[in-house]
Amino acid sequence: KGNESDLRSVDFYPGNGTFDLMYYPYYGKITHVNYTSPLVAMHFT
């Protein structure tokens, strides 16, 4: 909401800001005990 120029640059990590397929499917907390959800970082530069 507002002027598009208020947000001039965002960098995404890792890569081009995607959730890699290798982290799926998730099998549940009982058996997938060490599972850590993949993340995308948004750097508002």
ModelCIF file with pLDDT and N, C-alpha, C, O atoms, coordinates in Angstrom:
data_MODEL
#
_entry.id   MODEL 
#
_entity.id                         1 
_entity.type                       polymer 
_entity.pdbx_number_of_molecules   1 
#
_entity_poly.entity_id                      1 
_entity_poly.type                           'polypeptide(L)' 
_entity_poly.nstd_linkage                   no 
_entity_poly.nstd_monomer                   no 
_entity_poly.pdbx_seq_one_letter_code       KGNESDLRSVDFYPGNGTFDLMYYPYYGKITHVNYTSPLVAMHFT 
_entity_poly.pdbx_seq_one_letter_code_can   KGNESDLRSVDFYPGNGTFDLMYYPYYGKITHVNYTSPLVAMHFT 
_entity_poly.pdbx_strand_id                 A 
#
loop_
_entity_poly_seq.entity_id 
_entity_poly_seq.num 
_entity_poly_seq.mon_id 
_entity_poly_seq.hetero 
1 1  LYS n 
1 2  GLY n 
1 3  ASN n 
1 4  GLU n 
1 5  SER n 
1 6  ASP n 
1 7  LEU n 
1 8  ARG n 
1 9  SER n 
1 10 VAL n 
1 11 ASP n 
1 12 PHE n 
1 13 TYR n 
1 14 PRO n 
1 15 GLY n 
1 16 ASN n 
1 17 GLY n 
1 18 THR n 
1 19 PHE n 
1 20 ASP n 
1 21 LEU n 
1 22 MET n 
1 23 TYR n 
1 24 TYR n 
1 25 PRO n 
1 26 TYR n 
1 27 TYR n 
1 28 GLY n 
1 29 LYS n 
1 30 ILE n 
1 31 THR n 
1 32 HIS n 
1 33 VAL n 
1 34 ASN n 
1 35 TYR n 
1 36 THR n 
1 37 SER n 
1 38 PRO n 
1 39 LEU n 
1 40 VAL n 
1 41 ALA n 
1 42 MET n 
1 43 HIS n 
1 44 PHE n 
1 45 THR n 
#
_struct_asym.id          A 
_struct_asym.entity_id   1 
#
loop_
_ma_qa_metric.id 
_ma_qa_metric.mode 
_ma_qa_metric.name 
_ma_qa_metric.software_group_id 
_ma_qa_metric.type 
1 global pLDDT . pLDDT 
2 local  pLDDT . pLDDT 
#
_ma_qa_metric_global.metric_id      1 
_ma_qa_metric_global.metric_value   95.27 
_ma_qa_metric_global.model_id       1 
_ma_qa_metric_global.ordinal_id     1 
#
loop_
_ma_qa_metric_local.label_asym_id 
_ma_qa_metric_local.label_comp_id 
_ma_qa_metric_local.label_seq_id 
_ma_qa_metric_local.metric_id 
_ma_qa_metric_local.metric_value 
_ma_qa_metric_local.model_id 
_ma_qa_metric_local.ordinal_id 
A LYS 1  2 89.00 1 1  
A GLY 2  2 89.00 1 2  
A ASN 3  2 94.00 1 3  
A GLU 4  2 94.00 1 4  
A SER 5  2 94.00 1 5  
A ASP 6  2 96.00 1 6  
A LEU 7  2 96.00 1 7  
A ARG 8  2 94.00 1 8  
A SER 9  2 95.00 1 9  
A VAL 10 2 96.00 1 10 
A ASP 11 2 97.00 1 11 
A PHE 12 2 98.00 1 12 
A TYR 13 2 97.00 1 13 
A PRO 14 2 94.00 1 14 
A GLY 15 2 83.00 1 15 
A ASN 16 2 87.00 1 16 
A GLY 17 2 95.00 1 17 
A THR 18 2 97.00 1 18 
A PHE 19 2 97.00 1 19 
A ASP 20 2 97.00 1 20 
A LEU 21 2 97.00 1 21 
A MET 22 2 98.00 1 22 
A TYR 23 2 98.00 1 23 
A TYR 24 2 97.00 1 24 
A PRO 25 2 96.00 1 25 
A TYR 26 2 96.00 1 26 
A TYR 27 2 95.00 1 27 
A GLY 28 2 94.00 1 28 
A LYS 29 2 92.00 1 29 
A ILE 30 2 93.00 1 30 
A THR 31 2 95.00 1 31 
A HIS 32 2 96.00 1 32 
A VAL 33 2 93.00 1 33 
A ASN 34 2 95.00 1 34 
A TYR 35 2 97.00 1 35 
A THR 36 2 96.00 1 36 
A SER 37 2 97.00 1 37 
A PRO 38 2 98.00 1 38 
A LEU 39 2 98.00 1 39 
A VAL 40 2 98.00 1 40 
A ALA 41 2 98.00 1 41 
A MET 42 2 98.00 1 42 
A HIS 43 2 98.00 1 43 
A PHE 44 2 98.00 1 44 
A THR 45 2 97.00 1 45 
#
loop_
_atom_site.group_PDB 
_atom_site.id 
_atom_site.type_symbol 
_atom_site.label_atom_id 
_atom_site.label_alt_id 
_atom_site.label_comp_id 
_atom_site.label_asym_id 
_atom_site.label_entity_id 
_atom_site.label_seq_id 
_atom_site.pdbx_PDB_ins_code 
_atom_site.Cartn_x 
_atom_site.Cartn_y 
_atom_site.Cartn_z 
_atom_site.occupancy 
_atom_site.B_iso_or_equiv 
_atom_site.pdbx_formal_charge 
_atom_site.auth_seq_id 
_atom_site.auth_comp_id 
_atom_site.auth_asym_id 
_atom_site.auth_atom_id 
_atom_site.pdbx_PDB_model_num 
ATOM 1   N N  . LYS A 1 1  ? 0.859  -1.197  0.000  1.00 89.00 ? 1  LYS A N  1 
ATOM 2   C CA . LYS A 1 1  ? 0.000  0.000   0.000  1.00 89.00 ? 1  LYS A CA 1 
ATOM 3   C C  . LYS A 1 1  ? 0.886  1.235   0.000  1.00 89.00 ? 1  LYS A C  1 
ATOM 4   O O  . LYS A 1 1  ? 1.657  1.455   0.934  1.00 89.00 ? 1  LYS A O  1 
ATOM 5   N N  . GLY A 1 2  ? 0.775  2.034   -1.043 1.00 89.00 ? 2  GLY A N  1 
ATOM 6   C CA . GLY A 1 2  ? 1.597  3.221   -1.129 1.00 89.00 ? 2  GLY A CA 1 
ATOM 7   C C  . GLY A 1 2  ? 2.343  3.295   -2.449 1.00 89.00 ? 2  GLY A C  1 
ATOM 8   O O  . GLY A 1 2  ? 1.949  2.676   -3.437 1.00 89.00 ? 2  GLY A O  1 
ATOM 9   N N  . ASN A 1 3  ? 3.424  4.058   -2.450 1.00 94.00 ? 3  ASN A N  1 
ATOM 10  C CA . ASN A 1 3  ? 4.220  4.281   -3.647 1.00 94.00 ? 3  ASN A CA 1 
ATOM 11  C C  . ASN A 1 3  ? 5.227  3.156   -3.845 1.00 94.00 ? 3  ASN A C  1 
ATOM 12  O O  . ASN A 1 3  ? 5.947  2.796   -2.913 1.00 94.00 ? 3  ASN A O  1 
ATOM 13  N N  . GLU A 1 4  ? 5.283  2.601   -5.046 1.00 94.00 ? 4  GLU A N  1 
ATOM 14  C CA . GLU A 1 4  ? 6.199  1.493   -5.313 1.00 94.00 ? 4  GLU A CA 1 
ATOM 15  C C  . GLU A 1 4  ? 7.656  1.878   -5.083 1.00 94.00 ? 4  GLU A C  1 
ATOM 16  O O  . GLU A 1 4  ? 8.480  1.023   -4.759 1.00 94.00 ? 4  GLU A O  1 
ATOM 17  N N  . SER A 1 5  ? 7.973  3.144   -5.246 1.00 94.00 ? 5  SER A N  1 
ATOM 18  C CA . SER A 1 5  ? 9.359  3.604   -5.079 1.00 94.00 ? 5  SER A CA 1 
ATOM 19  C C  . SER A 1 5  ? 9.812  3.603   -3.620 1.00 94.00 ? 5  SER A C  1 
ATOM 20  O O  . SER A 1 5  ? 10.990 3.823   -3.339 1.00 94.00 ? 5  SER A O  1 
ATOM 21  N N  . ASP A 1 6  ? 8.881  3.357   -2.684 1.00 96.00 ? 6  ASP A N  1 
ATOM 22  C CA . ASP A 1 6  ? 9.259  3.283   -1.268 1.00 96.00 ? 6  ASP A CA 1 
ATOM 23  C C  . ASP A 1 6  ? 10.136 2.063   -0.997 1.00 96.00 ? 6  ASP A C  1 
ATOM 24  O O  . ASP A 1 6  ? 10.889 2.036   -0.023 1.00 96.00 ? 6  ASP A O  1 
ATOM 25  N N  . LEU A 1 7  ? 10.036 1.052   -1.863 1.00 96.00 ? 7  LEU A N  1 
ATOM 26  C CA . LEU A 1 7  ? 10.852 -0.154  -1.743 1.00 96.00 ? 7  LEU A CA 1 
ATOM 27  C C  . LEU A 1 7  ? 11.663 -0.277  -3.027 1.00 96.00 ? 7  LEU A C  1 
ATOM 28  O O  . LEU A 1 7  ? 11.162 -0.735  -4.053 1.00 96.00 ? 7  LEU A O  1 
ATOM 29  N N  . ARG A 1 8  ? 12.916 0.139   -2.953 1.00 94.00 ? 8  ARG A N  1 
ATOM 30  C CA . ARG A 1 8  ? 13.720 0.237   -4.167 1.00 94.00 ? 8  ARG A CA 1 
ATOM 31  C C  . ARG A 1 8  ? 14.597 -0.977  -4.430 1.00 94.00 ? 8  ARG A C  1 
ATOM 32  O O  . ARG A 1 8  ? 14.982 -1.226  -5.572 1.00 94.00 ? 8  ARG A O  1 
ATOM 33  N N  . SER A 1 9  ? 14.917 -1.732  -3.389 1.00 95.00 ? 9  SER A N  1 
ATOM 34  C CA . SER A 1 9  ? 15.817 -2.865  -3.611 1.00 95.00 ? 9  SER A CA 1 
ATOM 35  C C  . SER A 1 9  ? 15.660 -3.915  -2.509 1.00 95.00 ? 9  SER A C  1 
ATOM 36  O O  . SER A 1 9  ? 15.636 -3.597  -1.319 1.00 95.00 ? 9  SER A O  1 
ATOM 37  N N  . VAL A 1 10 ? 15.552 -5.178  -2.942 1.00 96.00 ? 10 VAL A N  1 
ATOM 38  C CA . VAL A 1 10 ? 15.512 -6.317  -2.017 1.00 96.00 ? 10 VAL A CA 1 
ATOM 39  C C  . VAL A 1 10 ? 16.393 -7.433  -2.592 1.00 96.00 ? 10 VAL A C  1 
ATOM 40  O O  . VAL A 1 10 ? 16.259 -7.799  -3.760 1.00 96.00 ? 10 VAL A O  1 
ATOM 41  N N  . ASP A 1 11 ? 17.285 -7.962  -1.767 1.00 97.00 ? 11 ASP A N  1 
ATOM 42  C CA . ASP A 1 11 ? 18.083 -9.113  -2.167 1.00 97.00 ? 11 ASP A CA 1 
ATOM 43  C C  . ASP A 1 11 ? 17.529 -10.350 -1.477 1.00 97.00 ? 11 ASP A C  1 
ATOM 44  O O  . ASP A 1 11 ? 17.081 -10.286 -0.332 1.00 97.00 ? 11 ASP A O  1 
ATOM 45  N N  . PHE A 1 12 ? 17.561 -11.480 -2.184 1.00 98.00 ? 12 PHE A N  1 
ATOM 46  C CA . PHE A 1 12 ? 17.020 -12.717 -1.645 1.00 98.00 ? 12 PHE A CA 1 
ATOM 47  C C  . PHE A 1 12 ? 18.124 -13.771 -1.520 1.00 98.00 ? 12 PHE A C  1 
ATOM 48  O O  . PHE A 1 12 ? 18.976 -13.908 -2.399 1.00 98.00 ? 12 PHE A O  1 
ATOM 49  N N  . TYR A 1 13 ? 18.089 -14.506 -0.414 1.00 97.00 ? 13 TYR A N  1 
ATOM 50  C CA . TYR A 1 13 ? 19.021 -15.620 -0.194 1.00 97.00 ? 13 TYR A CA 1 
ATOM 51  C C  . TYR A 1 13 ? 18.239 -16.817 0.346  1.00 97.00 ? 13 TYR A C  1 
ATOM 52  O O  . TYR A 1 13 ? 17.231 -16.626 1.027  1.00 97.00 ? 13 TYR A O  1 
ATOM 53  N N  . PRO A 1 14 ? 18.678 -18.051 0.059  1.00 94.00 ? 14 PRO A N  1 
ATOM 54  C CA . PRO A 1 14 ? 19.805 -18.395 -0.820 1.00 94.00 ? 14 PRO A CA 1 
ATOM 55  C C  . PRO A 1 14 ? 19.425 -18.252 -2.286 1.00 94.00 ? 14 PRO A C  1 
ATOM 56  O O  . PRO A 1 14 ? 18.247 -18.230 -2.644 1.00 94.00 ? 14 PRO A O  1 
ATOM 57  N N  . GLY A 1 15 ? 20.449 -18.158 -3.125 1.00 83.00 ? 15 GLY A N  1 
ATOM 58  C CA . GLY A 1 15 ? 20.238 -18.092 -4.566 1.00 83.00 ? 15 GLY A CA 1 
ATOM 59  C C  . GLY A 1 15 ? 19.315 -16.968 -4.952 1.00 83.00 ? 15 GLY A C  1 
ATOM 60  O O  . GLY A 1 15 ? 19.531 -15.811 -4.594 1.00 83.00 ? 15 GLY A O  1 
ATOM 61  N N  . ASN A 1 16 ? 18.286 -17.322 -5.686 1.00 87.00 ? 16 ASN A N  1 
ATOM 62  C CA . ASN A 1 16 ? 17.329 -16.322 -6.158 1.00 87.00 ? 16 ASN A CA 1 
ATOM 63  C C  . ASN A 1 16 ? 16.046 -16.318 -5.336 1.00 87.00 ? 16 ASN A C  1 
ATOM 64  O O  . ASN A 1 16 ? 14.989 -15.918 -5.825 1.00 87.00 ? 16 ASN A O  1 
ATOM 65  N N  . GLY A 1 17 ? 16.142 -16.761 -4.089 1.00 95.00 ? 17 GLY A N  1 
ATOM 66  C CA . GLY A 1 17 ? 14.979 -16.703 -3.199 1.00 95.00 ? 17 GLY A CA 1 
ATOM 67  C C  . GLY A 1 17 ? 13.973 -17.798 -3.444 1.00 95.00 ? 17 GLY A C  1 
ATOM 68  O O  . GLY A 1 17 ? 12.787 -17.522 -3.624 1.00 95.00 ? 17 GLY A O  1 
ATOM 69  N N  . THR A 1 18 ? 14.429 -19.043 -3.454 1.00 97.00 ? 18 THR A N  1 
ATOM 70  C CA . THR A 1 18 ? 13.531 -20.179 -3.666 1.00 97.00 ? 18 THR A CA 1 
ATOM 71  C C  . THR A 1 18 ? 13.663 -21.184 -2.536 1.00 97.00 ? 18 THR A C  1 
ATOM 72  O O  . THR A 1 18 ? 14.680 -21.231 -1.844 1.00 97.00 ? 18 THR A O  1 
ATOM 73  N N  . PHE A 1 19 ? 12.614 -21.992 -2.358 1.00 97.00 ? 19 PHE A N  1 
ATOM 74  C CA . PHE A 1 19 ? 12.627 -23.096 -1.405 1.00 97.00 ? 19 PHE A CA 1 
ATOM 75  C C  . PHE A 1 19 ? 12.985 -24.365 -2.182 1.00 97.00 ? 19 PHE A C  1 
ATOM 76  O O  . PHE A 1 19 ? 12.180 -24.867 -2.965 1.00 97.00 ? 19 PHE A O  1 
ATOM 77  N N  . ASP A 1 20 ? 14.189 -24.876 -1.961 1.00 97.00 ? 20 ASP A N  1 
ATOM 78  C CA . ASP A 1 20 ? 14.655 -26.044 -2.709 1.00 97.00 ? 20 ASP A CA 1 
ATOM 79  C C  . ASP A 1 20 ? 13.754 -27.245 -2.456 1.00 97.00 ? 20 ASP A C  1 
ATOM 80  O O  . ASP A 1 20 ? 13.285 -27.459 -1.338 1.00 97.00 ? 20 ASP A O  1 
ATOM 81  N N  . LEU A 1 21 ? 13.519 -28.023 -3.501 1.00 97.00 ? 21 LEU A N  1 
ATOM 82  C CA . LEU A 1 21 ? 12.637 -29.188 -3.397 1.00 97.00 ? 21 LEU A CA 1 
ATOM 83  C C  . LEU A 1 21 ? 13.162 -30.251 -2.445 1.00 97.00 ? 21 LEU A C  1 
ATOM 84  O O  . LEU A 1 21 ? 12.380 -31.038 -1.911 1.00 97.00 ? 21 LEU A O  1 
ATOM 85  N N  . MET A 1 22 ? 14.475 -30.289 -2.221 1.00 98.00 ? 22 MET A N  1 
ATOM 86  C CA . MET A 1 22 ? 15.051 -31.374 -1.422 1.00 98.00 ? 22 MET A CA 1 
ATOM 87  C C  . MET A 1 22 ? 14.592 -31.354 0.036  1.00 98.00 ? 22 MET A C  1 
ATOM 88  O O  . MET A 1 22 ? 14.780 -32.341 0.747  1.00 98.00 ? 22 MET A O  1 
ATOM 89  N N  . TYR A 1 23 ? 13.996 -30.256 0.494  1.00 98.00 ? 23 TYR A N  1 
ATOM 90  C CA . TYR A 1 23 ? 13.522 -30.183 1.881  1.00 98.00 ? 23 TYR A CA 1 
ATOM 91  C C  . TYR A 1 23 ? 12.095 -30.720 2.038  1.00 98.00 ? 23 TYR A C  1 
ATOM 92  O O  . TYR A 1 23 ? 11.498 -30.621 3.110  1.00 98.00 ? 23 TYR A O  1 
ATOM 93  N N  . TYR A 1 24 ? 11.570 -31.279 0.971  1.00 97.00 ? 24 TYR A N  1 
ATOM 94  C CA . TYR A 1 24 ? 10.193 -31.787 0.988  1.00 97.00 ? 24 TYR A CA 1 
ATOM 95  C C  . TYR A 1 24 ? 10.145 -33.209 0.445  1.00 97.00 ? 24 TYR A C  1 
ATOM 96  O O  . TYR A 1 24 ? 10.990 -33.572 -0.373 1.00 97.00 ? 24 TYR A O  1 
ATOM 97  N N  . PRO A 1 25 ? 9.186  -34.023 0.871  1.00 96.00 ? 25 PRO A N  1 
ATOM 98  C CA . PRO A 1 25 ? 8.117  -33.702 1.827  1.00 96.00 ? 25 PRO A CA 1 
ATOM 99  C C  . PRO A 1 25 ? 8.586  -33.780 3.283  1.00 96.00 ? 25 PRO A C  1 
ATOM 100 O O  . PRO A 1 25 ? 9.633  -34.347 3.595  1.00 96.00 ? 25 PRO A O  1 
ATOM 101 N N  . TYR A 1 26 ? 7.782  -33.195 4.146  1.00 96.00 ? 26 TYR A N  1 
ATOM 102 C CA . TYR A 1 26 ? 7.993  -33.245 5.588  1.00 96.00 ? 26 TYR A CA 1 
ATOM 103 C C  . TYR A 1 26 ? 7.184  -34.419 6.137  1.00 96.00 ? 26 TYR A C  1 
ATOM 104 O O  . TYR A 1 26 ? 6.030  -34.617 5.756  1.00 96.00 ? 26 TYR A O  1 
ATOM 105 N N  . TYR A 1 27 ? 7.800  -35.201 7.039  1.00 95.00 ? 27 TYR A N  1 
ATOM 106 C CA . TYR A 1 27 ? 7.167  -36.437 7.517  1.00 95.00 ? 27 TYR A CA 1 
ATOM 107 C C  . TYR A 1 27 ? 6.598  -36.348 8.934  1.00 95.00 ? 27 TYR A C  1 
ATOM 108 O O  . TYR A 1 27 ? 6.136  -37.354 9.473  1.00 95.00 ? 27 TYR A O  1 
ATOM 109 N N  . GLY A 1 28 ? 6.623  -35.165 9.541  1.00 94.00 ? 28 GLY A N  1 
ATOM 110 C CA . GLY A 1 28 ? 6.043  -35.030 10.874 1.00 94.00 ? 28 GLY A CA 1 
ATOM 111 C C  . GLY A 1 28 ? 7.095  -35.013 11.964 1.00 94.00 ? 28 GLY A C  1 
ATOM 112 O O  . GLY A 1 28 ? 8.183  -35.565 11.801 1.00 94.00 ? 28 GLY A O  1 
ATOM 113 N N  . LYS A 1 29 ? 6.762  -34.369 13.087 1.00 92.00 ? 29 LYS A N  1 
ATOM 114 C CA . LYS A 1 29 ? 7.759  -34.135 14.136 1.00 92.00 ? 29 LYS A CA 1 
ATOM 115 C C  . LYS A 1 29 ? 8.184  -35.401 14.873 1.00 92.00 ? 29 LYS A C  1 
ATOM 116 O O  . LYS A 1 29 ? 9.253  -35.422 15.482 1.00 92.00 ? 29 LYS A O  1 
ATOM 117 N N  . ILE A 1 30 ? 7.369  -36.461 14.833 1.00 93.00 ? 30 ILE A N  1 
ATOM 118 C CA . ILE A 1 30 ? 7.723  -37.685 15.555 1.00 93.00 ? 30 ILE A CA 1 
ATOM 119 C C  . ILE A 1 30 ? 8.866  -38.422 14.868 1.00 93.00 ? 30 ILE A C  1 
ATOM 120 O O  . ILE A 1 30 ? 9.791  -38.893 15.530 1.00 93.00 ? 30 ILE A O  1 
ATOM 121 N N  . THR A 1 31 ? 8.805  -38.523 13.540 1.00 95.00 ? 31 THR A N  1 
ATOM 122 C CA . THR A 1 31 ? 9.838  -39.264 12.810 1.00 95.00 ? 31 THR A CA 1 
ATOM 123 C C  . THR A 1 31 ? 10.867 -38.353 12.147 1.00 95.00 ? 31 THR A C  1 
ATOM 124 O O  . THR A 1 31 ? 12.011 -38.765 11.955 1.00 95.00 ? 31 THR A O  1 
ATOM 125 N N  . HIS A 1 32 ? 10.487 -37.131 11.796 1.00 96.00 ? 32 HIS A N  1 
ATOM 126 C CA . HIS A 1 32 ? 11.421 -36.199 11.164 1.00 96.00 ? 32 HIS A CA 1 
ATOM 127 C C  . HIS A 1 32 ? 12.013 -35.297 12.249 1.00 96.00 ? 32 HIS A C  1 
ATOM 128 O O  . HIS A 1 32 ? 11.846 -34.077 12.226 1.00 96.00 ? 32 HIS A O  1 
ATOM 129 N N  . VAL A 1 33 ? 12.703 -35.925 13.191 1.00 93.00 ? 33 VAL A N  1 
ATOM 130 C CA . VAL A 1 33 ? 13.061 -35.253 14.439 1.00 93.00 ? 33 VAL A CA 1 
ATOM 131 C C  . VAL A 1 33 ? 14.050 -34.107 14.270 1.00 93.00 ? 33 VAL A C  1 
ATOM 132 O O  . VAL A 1 33 ? 13.973 -33.128 15.013 1.00 93.00 ? 33 VAL A O  1 
ATOM 133 N N  . ASN A 1 34 ? 14.974 -34.194 13.320 1.00 95.00 ? 34 ASN A N  1 
ATOM 134 C CA . ASN A 1 34 ? 15.992 -33.156 13.155 1.00 95.00 ? 34 ASN A CA 1 
ATOM 135 C C  . ASN A 1 34 ? 15.663 -32.178 12.030 1.00 95.00 ? 34 ASN A C  1 
ATOM 136 O O  . ASN A 1 34 ? 16.502 -31.373 11.624 1.00 95.00 ? 34 ASN A O  1 
ATOM 137 N N  . TYR A 1 35 ? 14.443 -32.260 11.541 1.00 97.00 ? 35 TYR A N  1 
ATOM 138 C CA . TYR A 1 35 ? 14.054 -31.411 10.415 1.00 97.00 ? 35 TYR A CA 1 
ATOM 139 C C  . TYR A 1 35 ? 14.066 -29.934 10.796 1.00 97.00 ? 35 TYR A C  1 
ATOM 140 O O  . TYR A 1 35 ? 13.495 -29.541 11.814 1.00 97.00 ? 35 TYR A O  1 
ATOM 141 N N  . THR A 1 36 ? 14.718 -29.126 9.974  1.00 96.00 ? 36 THR A N  1 
ATOM 142 C CA . THR A 1 36 ? 14.683 -27.671 10.135 1.00 96.00 ? 36 THR A CA 1 
ATOM 143 C C  . THR A 1 36 ? 14.113 -27.086 8.853  1.00 96.00 ? 36 THR A C  1 
ATOM 144 O O  . THR A 1 36 ? 14.605 -27.372 7.762  1.00 96.00 ? 36 THR A O  1 
ATOM 145 N N  . SER A 1 37 ? 13.101 -26.286 8.982  1.00 97.00 ? 37 SER A N  1 
ATOM 146 C CA . SER A 1 37 ? 12.416 -25.727 7.823  1.00 97.00 ? 37 SER A CA 1 
ATOM 147 C C  . SER A 1 37 ? 13.353 -24.873 6.981  1.00 97.00 ? 37 SER A C  1 
ATOM 148 O O  . SER A 1 37 ? 14.123 -24.085 7.530  1.00 97.00 ? 37 SER A O  1 
ATOM 149 N N  . PRO A 1 38 ? 13.305 -25.011 5.667  1.00 98.00 ? 38 PRO A N  1 
ATOM 150 C CA . PRO A 1 38 ? 14.101 -24.126 4.808  1.00 98.00 ? 38 PRO A CA 1 
ATOM 151 C C  . PRO A 1 38 ? 13.616 -22.693 4.941  1.00 98.00 ? 38 PRO A C  1 
ATOM 152 O O  . PRO A 1 38 ? 12.458 -22.443 5.276  1.00 98.00 ? 38 PRO A O  1 
ATOM 153 N N  . LEU A 1 39 ? 14.506 -21.768 4.676  1.00 98.00 ? 39 LEU A N  1 
ATOM 154 C CA . LEU A 1 39 ? 14.194 -20.348 4.830  1.00 98.00 ? 39 LEU A CA 1 
ATOM 155 C C  . LEU A 1 39 ? 14.547 -19.591 3.557  1.00 98.00 ? 39 LEU A C  1 
ATOM 156 O O  . LEU A 1 39 ? 15.376 -20.029 2.759  1.00 98.00 ? 39 LEU A O  1 
ATOM 157 N N  . VAL A 1 40 ? 13.903 -18.459 3.391  1.00 98.00 ? 40 VAL A N  1 
ATOM 158 C CA . VAL A 1 40 ? 14.331 -17.477 2.397  1.00 98.00 ? 40 VAL A CA 1 
ATOM 159 C C  . VAL A 1 40 ? 14.564 -16.175 3.147  1.00 98.00 ? 40 VAL A C  1 
ATOM 160 O O  . VAL A 1 40 ? 13.686 -15.683 3.856  1.00 98.00 ? 40 VAL A O  1 
ATOM 161 N N  . ALA A 1 41 ? 15.760 -15.626 2.980  1.00 98.00 ? 41 ALA A N  1 
ATOM 162 C CA . ALA A 1 41 ? 16.085 -14.354 3.625  1.00 98.00 ? 41 ALA A CA 1 
ATOM 163 C C  . ALA A 1 41 ? 15.829 -13.219 2.651  1.00 98.00 ? 41 ALA A C  1 
ATOM 164 O O  . ALA A 1 41 ? 16.177 -13.297 1.473  1.00 98.00 ? 41 ALA A O  1 
ATOM 165 N N  . MET A 1 42 ? 15.218 -12.169 3.162  1.00 98.00 ? 42 MET A N  1 
ATOM 166 C CA . MET A 1 42 ? 14.926 -10.984 2.366  1.00 98.00 ? 42 MET A CA 1 
ATOM 167 C C  . MET A 1 42 ? 15.715 -9.818  2.957  1.00 98.00 ? 42 MET A C  1 
ATOM 168 O O  . MET A 1 42 ? 15.489 -9.411  4.097  1.00 98.00 ? 42 MET A O  1 
ATOM 169 N N  . HIS A 1 43 ? 16.633 -9.297  2.170  1.00 98.00 ? 43 HIS A N  1 
ATOM 170 C CA . HIS A 1 43 ? 17.514 -8.230  2.641  1.00 98.00 ? 43 HIS A CA 1 
ATOM 171 C C  . HIS A 1 43 ? 17.046 -6.908  2.039  1.00 98.00 ? 43 HIS A C  1 
ATOM 172 O O  . HIS A 1 43 ? 17.243 -6.654  0.851  1.00 98.00 ? 43 HIS A O  1 
ATOM 173 N N  . PHE A 1 44 ? 16.436 -6.085  2.853  1.00 98.00 ? 44 PHE A N  1 
ATOM 174 C CA . PHE A 1 44 ? 15.863 -4.825  2.386  1.00 98.00 ? 44 PHE A CA 1 
ATOM 175 C C  . PHE A 1 44 ? 16.954 -3.753  2.388  1.00 98.00 ? 44 PHE A C  1 
ATOM 176 O O  . PHE A 1 44 ? 17.140 -3.023  3.362  1.00 98.00 ? 44 PHE A O  1 
ATOM 177 N N  . THR A 1 45 ? 17.659 -3.687  1.272  1.00 97.00 ? 45 THR A N  1 
ATOM 178 C CA . THR A 1 45 ? 18.854 -2.845  1.194  1.00 97.00 ? 45 THR A CA 1 
ATOM 179 C C  . THR A 1 45 ? 18.562 -1.389  0.867  1.00 97.00 ? 45 THR A C  1 
ATOM 180 O O  . THR A 1 45 ? 19.485 -0.580  0.774  1.00 97.00 ? 45 THR A O  1 
#
